[in-house]
Amino acid sequence: MADYKRRSGESFETFLRKFKRAVKNGKRLEKAREKQHLVPEKTKRQQKKQALTGLRLKKEKDFLRKTGKLEETVRRR
């Protein structure tokens, strides 16, 4: 990381302005923010497992609706 030092006779406001500009132009902050919310891609095995779980749950809910143990839900859009 770059080292920023205040020159003699330089006001703090001037130094802060230069520092902010350097950080913004350096793209370090932008890269850090991108990595902060990075979600790793799922492997094929994970995708298949999730799809099978969803199908199983859907089947169970349909069965419960047909037998009357689960109320019918009306979708509103």
PDB file of N, CA and C in Angstrom:
ATOM      1  N   MET A   1       0.845  -1.170   0.000  1.00  0.00           N
ATOM      2  CA  MET A   1       0.000   0.000   0.000  1.00  0.00           C
ATOM      3  C   MET A   1       0.892   1.235   0.000  1.00  0.00           C
ATOM      4  N   ALA A   2       0.443   2.260  -0.658  1.00  0.00           N
ATOM      5  CA  ALA A   2       1.234   3.482  -0.751  1.00  0.00           C
ATOM      6  C   ALA A   2       1.273   4.188   0.599  1.00  0.00           C
ATOM      7  N   ASP A   3       2.367   4.878   0.849  1.00  0.00           N
ATOM      8  CA  ASP A   3       2.540   5.594   2.095  1.00  0.00           C
ATOM      9  C   ASP A   3       2.341   7.077   1.820  1.00  0.00           C
ATOM     10  N   TYR A   4       1.403   7.692   2.509  1.00  0.00           N
ATOM     11  CA  TYR A   4       1.115   9.106   2.300  1.00  0.00           C
ATOM     12  C   TYR A   4       1.604   9.888   3.507  1.00  0.00           C
ATOM     13  N   LYS A   5       2.414  10.922   3.232  1.00  0.00           N
ATOM     14  CA  LYS A   5       2.933  11.764   4.311  1.00  0.00           C
ATOM     15  C   LYS A   5       2.607  13.216   4.009  1.00  0.00           C
ATOM     16  N   ARG A   6       2.334  13.925   5.060  1.00  0.00           N
ATOM     17  CA  ARG A   6       2.011  15.337   4.929  1.00  0.00           C
ATOM     18  C   ARG A   6       3.304  16.140   4.826  1.00  0.00           C
ATOM     19  N   ARG A   7       3.393  17.003   3.836  1.00  0.00           N
ATOM     20  CA  ARG A   7       4.579  17.834   3.657  1.00  0.00           C
ATOM     21  C   ARG A   7       4.588  18.970   4.668  1.00  0.00           C
ATOM     22  N   SER A   8       5.752  19.478   4.912  1.00  0.00           N
ATOM     23  CA  SER A   8       5.840  20.596   5.863  1.00  0.00           C
ATOM     24  C   SER A   8       5.184  21.828   5.241  1.00  0.00           C
ATOM     25  N   GLY A   9       4.364  22.492   6.009  1.00  0.00           N
ATOM     26  CA  GLY A   9       3.686  23.693   5.529  1.00  0.00           C
ATOM     27  C   GLY A   9       2.385  23.385   4.794  1.00  0.00           C
ATOM     28  N   GLU A  10       2.065  22.120   4.601  1.00  0.00           N
ATOM     29  CA  GLU A  10       0.825  21.745   3.891  1.00  0.00           C
ATOM     30  C   GLU A  10      -0.309  21.628   4.905  1.00  0.00           C
ATOM     31  N   SER A  11      -1.441  22.254   4.588  1.00  0.00           N
ATOM     32  CA  SER A  11      -2.566  22.191   5.521  1.00  0.00           C
ATOM     33  C   SER A  11      -3.182  20.786   5.506  1.00  0.00           C
ATOM     34  N   PHE A  12      -3.865  20.483   6.581  1.00  0.00           N
ATOM     35  CA  PHE A  12      -4.462  19.153   6.696  1.00  0.00           C
ATOM     36  C   PHE A  12      -5.555  18.944   5.640  1.00  0.00           C
ATOM     37  N   GLU A  13      -6.323  19.997   5.360  1.00  0.00           N
ATOM     38  CA  GLU A  13      -7.385  19.897   4.365  1.00  0.00           C
ATOM     39  C   GLU A  13      -6.827  19.568   2.980  1.00  0.00           C
ATOM     40  N   THR A  14      -5.714  20.206   2.631  1.00  0.00           N
ATOM     41  CA  THR A  14      -5.072  19.943   1.343  1.00  0.00           C
ATOM     42  C   THR A  14      -4.569  18.506   1.276  1.00  0.00           C
ATOM     43  N   PHE A  15      -3.934  18.076   2.372  1.00  0.00           N
ATOM     44  CA  PHE A  15      -3.437  16.706   2.428  1.00  0.00           C
ATOM     45  C   PHE A  15      -4.585  15.702   2.316  1.00  0.00           C
ATOM     46  N   LEU A  16      -5.672  15.958   3.026  1.00  0.00           N
ATOM     47  CA  LEU A  16      -6.817  15.047   2.994  1.00  0.00           C
ATOM     48  C   LEU A  16      -7.418  14.978   1.589  1.00  0.00           C
ATOM     49  N   ARG A  17      -7.505  16.121   0.917  1.00  0.00           N
ATOM     50  CA  ARG A  17      -8.040  16.156  -0.437  1.00  0.00           C
ATOM     51  C   ARG A  17      -7.163  15.323  -1.382  1.00  0.00           C
ATOM     52  N   LYS A  18      -5.828  15.474  -1.270  1.00  0.00           N
ATOM     53  CA  LYS A  18      -4.894  14.707  -2.107  1.00  0.00           C
ATOM     54  C   LYS A  18      -5.009  13.207  -1.820  1.00  0.00           C
ATOM     55  N   PHE A  19      -5.128  12.877  -0.525  1.00  0.00           N
ATOM     56  CA  PHE A  19      -5.230  11.482  -0.131  1.00  0.00           C
ATOM     57  C   PHE A  19      -6.495  10.844  -0.706  1.00  0.00           C
ATOM     58  N   LYS A  20      -7.621  11.529  -0.575  1.00  0.00           N
ATOM     59  CA  LYS A  20      -8.886  11.000  -1.092  1.00  0.00           C
ATOM     60  C   LYS A  20      -8.817  10.800  -2.611  1.00  0.00           C
ATOM     61  N   ARG A  21      -8.225  11.763  -3.304  1.00  0.00           N
ATOM     62  CA  ARG A  21      -8.103  11.662  -4.755  1.00  0.00           C
ATOM     63  C   ARG A  21      -7.219  10.477  -5.137  1.00  0.00           C
ATOM     64  N   ALA A  22      -6.138  10.277  -4.397  1.00  0.00           N
ATOM     65  CA  ALA A  22      -5.226   9.162  -4.688  1.00  0.00           C
ATOM     66  C   ALA A  22      -5.913   7.821  -4.457  1.00  0.00           C
ATOM     67  N   VAL A  23      -6.689   7.713  -3.400  1.00  0.00           N
ATOM     68  CA  VAL A  23      -7.397   6.461  -3.103  1.00  0.00           C
ATOM     69  C   VAL A  23      -8.442   6.191  -4.188  1.00  0.00           C
ATOM     70  N   LYS A  24      -9.149   7.225  -4.591  1.00  0.00           N
ATOM     71  CA  LYS A  24     -10.190   7.071  -5.612  1.00  0.00           C
ATOM     72  C   LYS A  24      -9.583   6.669  -6.956  1.00  0.00           C
ATOM     73  N   ASN A  25      -8.489   7.308  -7.338  1.00  0.00           N
ATOM     74  CA  ASN A  25      -7.853   7.003  -8.621  1.00  0.00           C
ATOM     75  C   ASN A  25      -7.112   5.677  -8.594  1.00  0.00           C
ATOM     76  N   GLY A  26      -6.730   5.228  -7.428  1.00  0.00           N
ATOM     77  CA  GLY A  26      -5.997   3.976  -7.305  1.00  0.00           C
ATOM     78  C   GLY A  26      -6.879   2.755  -7.442  1.00  0.00           C
ATOM     79  N   LYS A  27      -8.173   2.892  -7.419  1.00  0.00           N
ATOM     80  CA  LYS A  27      -9.146   1.817  -7.570  1.00  0.00           C
ATOM     81  C   LYS A  27      -9.083   0.777  -6.447  1.00  0.00           C
ATOM     82  N   ARG A  28      -8.341   1.037  -5.407  1.00  0.00           N
ATOM     83  CA  ARG A  28      -8.249   0.075  -4.302  1.00  0.00           C
ATOM     84  C   ARG A  28      -9.581  -0.039  -3.573  1.00  0.00           C
ATOM     85  N   LEU A  29     -10.219   1.084  -3.334  1.00  0.00           N
ATOM     86  CA  LEU A  29     -11.481   1.092  -2.618  1.00  0.00           C
ATOM     87  C   LEU A  29     -12.556   0.370  -3.425  1.00  0.00           C
ATOM     88  N   GLU A  30     -12.570   0.616  -4.725  1.00  0.00           N
ATOM     89  CA  GLU A  30     -13.553  -0.021  -5.606  1.00  0.00           C
ATOM     90  C   GLU A  30     -13.386  -1.541  -5.603  1.00  0.00           C
ATOM     91  N   LYS A  31     -12.149  -2.001  -5.688  1.00  0.00           N
ATOM     92  CA  LYS A  31     -11.883  -3.440  -5.677  1.00  0.00           C
ATOM     93  C   LYS A  31     -12.282  -4.065  -4.348  1.00  0.00           C
ATOM     94  N   ALA A  32     -12.013  -3.381  -3.259  1.00  0.00           N
ATOM     95  CA  ALA A  32     -12.359  -3.902  -1.939  1.00  0.00           C
ATOM     96  C   ALA A  32     -13.869  -4.015  -1.792  1.00  0.00           C
ATOM     97  N   ARG A  33     -14.601  -3.050  -2.304  1.00  0.00           N
ATOM     98  CA  ARG A  33     -16.064  -3.093  -2.209  1.00  0.00           C
ATOM     99  C   ARG A  33     -16.639  -4.213  -3.071  1.00  0.00           C
ATOM    100  N   GLU A  34     -16.028  -4.473  -4.222  1.00  0.00           N
ATOM    101  CA  GLU A  34     -16.486  -5.575  -5.069  1.00  0.00           C
ATOM    102  C   GLU A  34     -16.296  -6.912  -4.361  1.00  0.00           C
ATOM    103  N   LYS A  35     -15.162  -7.086  -3.713  1.00  0.00           N
ATOM    104  CA  LYS A  35     -14.870  -8.341  -3.032  1.00  0.00           C
ATOM    105  C   LYS A  35     -15.734  -8.533  -1.794  1.00  0.00           C
ATOM    106  N   GLN A  36     -16.195  -7.447  -1.221  1.00  0.00           N
ATOM    107  CA  GLN A  36     -16.970  -7.510   0.010  1.00  0.00           C
ATOM    108  C   GLN A  36     -18.260  -8.310  -0.180  1.00  0.00           C
ATOM    109  N   HIS A  37     -18.888  -8.200  -1.332  1.00  0.00           N
ATOM    110  CA  HIS A  37     -20.159  -8.858  -1.581  1.00  0.00           C
ATOM    111  C   HIS A  37     -20.038  -9.991  -2.596  1.00  0.00           C
ATOM    112  N   LEU A  38     -18.853 -10.511  -2.768  1.00  0.00           N
ATOM    113  CA  LEU A  38     -18.632 -11.569  -3.736  1.00  0.00           C
ATOM    114  C   LEU A  38     -19.271 -12.866  -3.258  1.00  0.00           C
ATOM    115  N   VAL A  39     -20.111 -13.457  -4.088  1.00  0.00           N
ATOM    116  CA  VAL A  39     -20.748 -14.721  -3.755  1.00  0.00           C
ATOM    117  C   VAL A  39     -20.147 -15.776  -4.675  1.00  0.00           C
ATOM    118  N   PRO A  40     -19.513 -16.796  -4.114  1.00  0.00           N
ATOM    119  CA  PRO A  40     -18.896 -17.805  -4.964  1.00  0.00           C
ATOM    120  C   PRO A  40     -19.949 -18.589  -5.737  1.00  0.00           C
ATOM    121  N   GLU A  41     -19.605 -18.977  -6.955  1.00  0.00           N
ATOM    122  CA  GLU A  41     -20.536 -19.730  -7.787  1.00  0.00           C
ATOM    123  C   GLU A  41     -20.698 -21.129  -7.224  1.00  0.00           C
ATOM    124  N   LYS A  42     -21.907 -21.678  -7.394  1.00  0.00           N
ATOM    125  CA  LYS A  42     -22.184 -23.016  -6.897  1.00  0.00           C
ATOM    126  C   LYS A  42     -21.658 -24.042  -7.892  1.00  0.00           C
ATOM    127  N   THR A  43     -21.175 -25.134  -7.353  1.00  0.00           N
ATOM    128  CA  THR A  43     -20.716 -26.212  -8.211  1.00  0.00           C
ATOM    129  C   THR A  43     -21.925 -26.951  -8.766  1.00  0.00           C
ATOM    130  N   LYS A  44     -21.711 -27.783  -9.775  1.00  0.00           N
ATOM    131  CA  LYS A  44     -22.821 -28.532 -10.360  1.00  0.00           C
ATOM    132  C   LYS A  44     -23.463 -29.453  -9.326  1.00  0.00           C
ATOM    133  N   ARG A  45     -22.635 -30.008  -8.468  1.00  0.00           N
ATOM    134  CA  ARG A  45     -23.160 -30.902  -7.425  1.00  0.00           C
ATOM    135  C   ARG A  45     -24.103 -30.140  -6.496  1.00  0.00           C
ATOM    136  N   GLN A  46     -23.714 -28.939  -6.106  1.00  0.00           N
ATOM    137  CA  GLN A  46     -24.556 -28.126  -5.229  1.00  0.00           C
ATOM    138  C   GLN A  46     -25.851 -27.728  -5.927  1.00  0.00           C
ATOM    139  N   GLN A  47     -25.756 -27.381  -7.222  1.00  0.00           N
ATOM    140  CA  GLN A  47     -26.952 -26.999  -7.968  1.00  0.00           C
ATOM    141  C   GLN A  47     -27.929 -28.163  -8.062  1.00  0.00           C
ATOM    142  N   LYS A  48     -27.411 -29.356  -8.350  1.00  0.00           N
ATOM    143  CA  LYS A  48     -28.270 -30.533  -8.456  1.00  0.00           C
ATOM    144  C   LYS A  48     -28.930 -30.844  -7.116  1.00  0.00           C
ATOM    145  N   LYS A  49     -28.150 -30.761  -6.041  1.00  0.00           N
ATOM    146  CA  LYS A  49     -28.678 -31.053  -4.711  1.00  0.00           C
ATOM    147  C   LYS A  49     -29.791 -30.073  -4.354  1.00  0.00           C
ATOM    148  N   GLN A  50     -29.581 -28.798  -4.652  1.00  0.00           N
ATOM    149  CA  GLN A  50     -30.588 -27.783  -4.358  1.00  0.00           C
ATOM    150  C   GLN A  50     -31.850 -27.999  -5.194  1.00  0.00           C
ATOM    151  N   ALA A  51     -31.676 -28.362  -6.462  1.00  0.00           N
ATOM    152  CA  ALA A  51     -32.830 -28.608  -7.332  1.00  0.00           C
ATOM    153  C   ALA A  51     -33.631 -29.804  -6.833  1.00  0.00           C
ATOM    154  N   LEU A  52     -32.950 -30.876  -6.438  1.00  0.00           N
ATOM    155  CA  LEU A  52     -33.638 -32.062  -5.936  1.00  0.00           C
ATOM    156  C   LEU A  52     -34.365 -31.776  -4.620  1.00  0.00           C
ATOM    157  N   THR A  53     -33.760 -30.971  -3.776  1.00  0.00           N
ATOM    158  CA  THR A  53     -34.407 -30.596  -2.517  1.00  0.00           C
ATOM    159  C   THR A  53     -35.665 -29.789  -2.794  1.00  0.00           C
ATOM    160  N   GLY A  54     -35.583 -28.864  -3.746  1.00  0.00           N
ATOM    161  CA  GLY A  54     -36.749 -28.063  -4.104  1.00  0.00           C
ATOM    162  C   GLY A  54     -37.876 -28.914  -4.649  1.00  0.00           C
ATOM    163  N   LEU A  55     -37.538 -29.884  -5.496  1.00  0.00           N
ATOM    164  CA  LEU A  55     -38.560 -30.776  -6.046  1.00  0.00           C
ATOM    165  C   LEU A  55     -39.212 -31.609  -4.948  1.00  0.00           C
ATOM    166  N   ARG A  56     -38.384 -32.086  -4.012  1.00  0.00           N
ATOM    167  CA  ARG A  56     -38.916 -32.903  -2.919  1.00  0.00           C
ATOM    168  C   ARG A  56     -39.866 -32.088  -2.049  1.00  0.00           C
ATOM    169  N   LEU A  57     -39.492 -30.851  -1.726  1.00  0.00           N
ATOM    170  CA  LEU A  57     -40.349 -29.998  -0.909  1.00  0.00           C
ATOM    171  C   LEU A  57     -41.651 -29.653  -1.625  1.00  0.00           C
ATOM    172  N   LYS A  58     -41.561 -29.415  -2.929  1.00  0.00           N
ATOM    173  CA  LYS A  58     -42.758 -29.102  -3.705  1.00  0.00           C
ATOM    174  C   LYS A  58     -43.718 -30.282  -3.704  1.00  0.00           C
ATOM    175  N   LYS A  59     -43.160 -31.478  -3.848  1.00  0.00           N
ATOM    176  CA  LYS A  59     -43.967 -32.690  -3.849  1.00  0.00           C
ATOM    177  C   LYS A  59     -44.676 -32.871  -2.502  1.00  0.00           C
ATOM    178  N   GLU A  60     -43.942 -32.636  -1.408  1.00  0.00           N
ATOM    179  CA  GLU A  60     -44.524 -32.757  -0.077  1.00  0.00           C
ATOM    180  C   GLU A  60     -45.639 -31.735   0.138  1.00  0.00           C
ATOM    181  N   LYS A  61     -45.422 -30.486  -0.296  1.00  0.00           N
ATOM    182  CA  LYS A  61     -46.447 -29.453  -0.138  1.00  0.00           C
ATOM    183  C   LYS A  61     -47.687 -29.775  -0.954  1.00  0.00           C
ATOM    184  N   ASP A  62     -47.493 -30.256  -2.179  1.00  0.00           N
ATOM    185  CA  ASP A  62     -48.635 -30.639  -3.013  1.00  0.00           C
ATOM    186  C   ASP A  62     -49.443 -31.745  -2.342  1.00  0.00           C
ATOM    187  N   PHE A  63     -48.759 -32.718  -1.751  1.00  0.00           N
ATOM    188  CA  PHE A  63     -49.437 -33.814  -1.074  1.00  0.00           C
ATOM    189  C   PHE A  63     -50.244 -33.289   0.112  1.00  0.00           C
ATOM    190  N   LEU A  64     -49.633 -32.390   0.899  1.00  0.00           N
ATOM    191  CA  LEU A  64     -50.335 -31.827   2.052  1.00  0.00           C
ATOM    192  C   LEU A  64     -51.537 -30.988   1.628  1.00  0.00           C
ATOM    193  N   ARG A  65     -51.437 -30.276   0.518  1.00  0.00           N
ATOM    194  CA  ARG A  65     -52.573 -29.502   0.019  1.00  0.00           C
ATOM    195  C   ARG A  65     -53.705 -30.418  -0.424  1.00  0.00           C
ATOM    196  N   LYS A  66     -53.357 -31.499  -1.113  1.00  0.00           N
ATOM    197  CA  LYS A  66     -54.371 -32.434  -1.600  1.00  0.00           C
ATOM    198  C   LYS A  66     -55.092 -33.133  -0.458  1.00  0.00           C
ATOM    199  N   THR A  67     -54.353 -33.423   0.612  1.00  0.00           N
ATOM    200  CA  THR A  67     -54.976 -34.107   1.753  1.00  0.00           C
ATOM    201  C   THR A  67     -55.683 -33.132   2.679  1.00  0.00           C
ATOM    202  N   GLY A  68     -55.544 -31.829   2.475  1.00  0.00           N
ATOM    203  CA  GLY A  68     -56.250 -30.829   3.265  1.00  0.00           C
ATOM    204  C   GLY A  68     -55.514 -30.406   4.518  1.00  0.00           C
ATOM    205  N   LYS A  69     -54.291 -30.821   4.683  1.00  0.00           N
ATOM    206  CA  LYS A  69     -53.528 -30.459   5.875  1.00  0.00           C
ATOM    207  C   LYS A  69     -52.837 -29.103   5.723  1.00  0.00           C
ATOM    208  N   LEU A  70     -52.801 -28.596   4.515  1.00  0.00           N
ATOM    209  CA  LEU A  70     -52.174 -27.307   4.250  1.00  0.00           C
ATOM    210  C   LEU A  70     -53.156 -26.483   3.433  1.00  0.00           C
ATOM    211  N   GLU A  71     -53.355 -25.232   3.838  1.00  0.00           N
ATOM    212  CA  GLU A  71     -54.324 -24.383   3.145  1.00  0.00           C
ATOM    213  C   GLU A  71     -53.825 -23.997   1.763  1.00  0.00           C
ATOM    214  N   GLU A  72     -54.788 -23.798   0.881  1.00  0.00           N
ATOM    215  CA  GLU A  72     -54.458 -23.315  -0.457  1.00  0.00           C
ATOM    216  C   GLU A  72     -54.043 -21.854  -0.344  1.00  0.00           C
ATOM    217  N   THR A  73     -52.967 -21.497  -0.993  1.00  0.00           N
ATOM    218  CA  THR A  73     -52.513 -20.108  -0.972  1.00  0.00           C
ATOM    219  C   THR A  73     -52.809 -19.474  -2.325  1.00  0.00           C
ATOM    220  N   VAL A  74     -53.264 -18.228  -2.261  1.00  0.00           N
ATOM    221  CA  VAL A  74     -53.567 -17.497  -3.484  1.00  0.00           C
ATOM    222  C   VAL A  74     -52.414 -16.561  -3.755  1.00  0.00           C
ATOM    223  N   ARG A  75     -51.827 -16.657  -4.935  1.00  0.00           N
ATOM    224  CA  ARG A  75     -50.718 -15.773  -5.291  1.00  0.00           C
ATOM    225  C   ARG A  75     -51.271 -14.432  -5.745  1.00  0.00           C
ATOM    226  N   ARG A  76     -50.716 -13.381  -5.162  1.00  0.00           N
ATOM    227  CA  ARG A  76     -51.132 -12.027  -5.547  1.00  0.00           C
ATOM    228  C   ARG A  76     -49.995 -11.363  -6.270  1.00  0.00           C
ATOM    229  N   ARG A  77     -50.310 -10.725  -7.346  1.00  0.00           N
ATOM    230  CA  ARG A  77     -49.283 -10.027  -8.107  1.00  0.00           C
ATOM    231  C   ARG A  77     -49.626  -8.587  -8.254  1.00  0.00           C
TER     232      ARG A  77
END
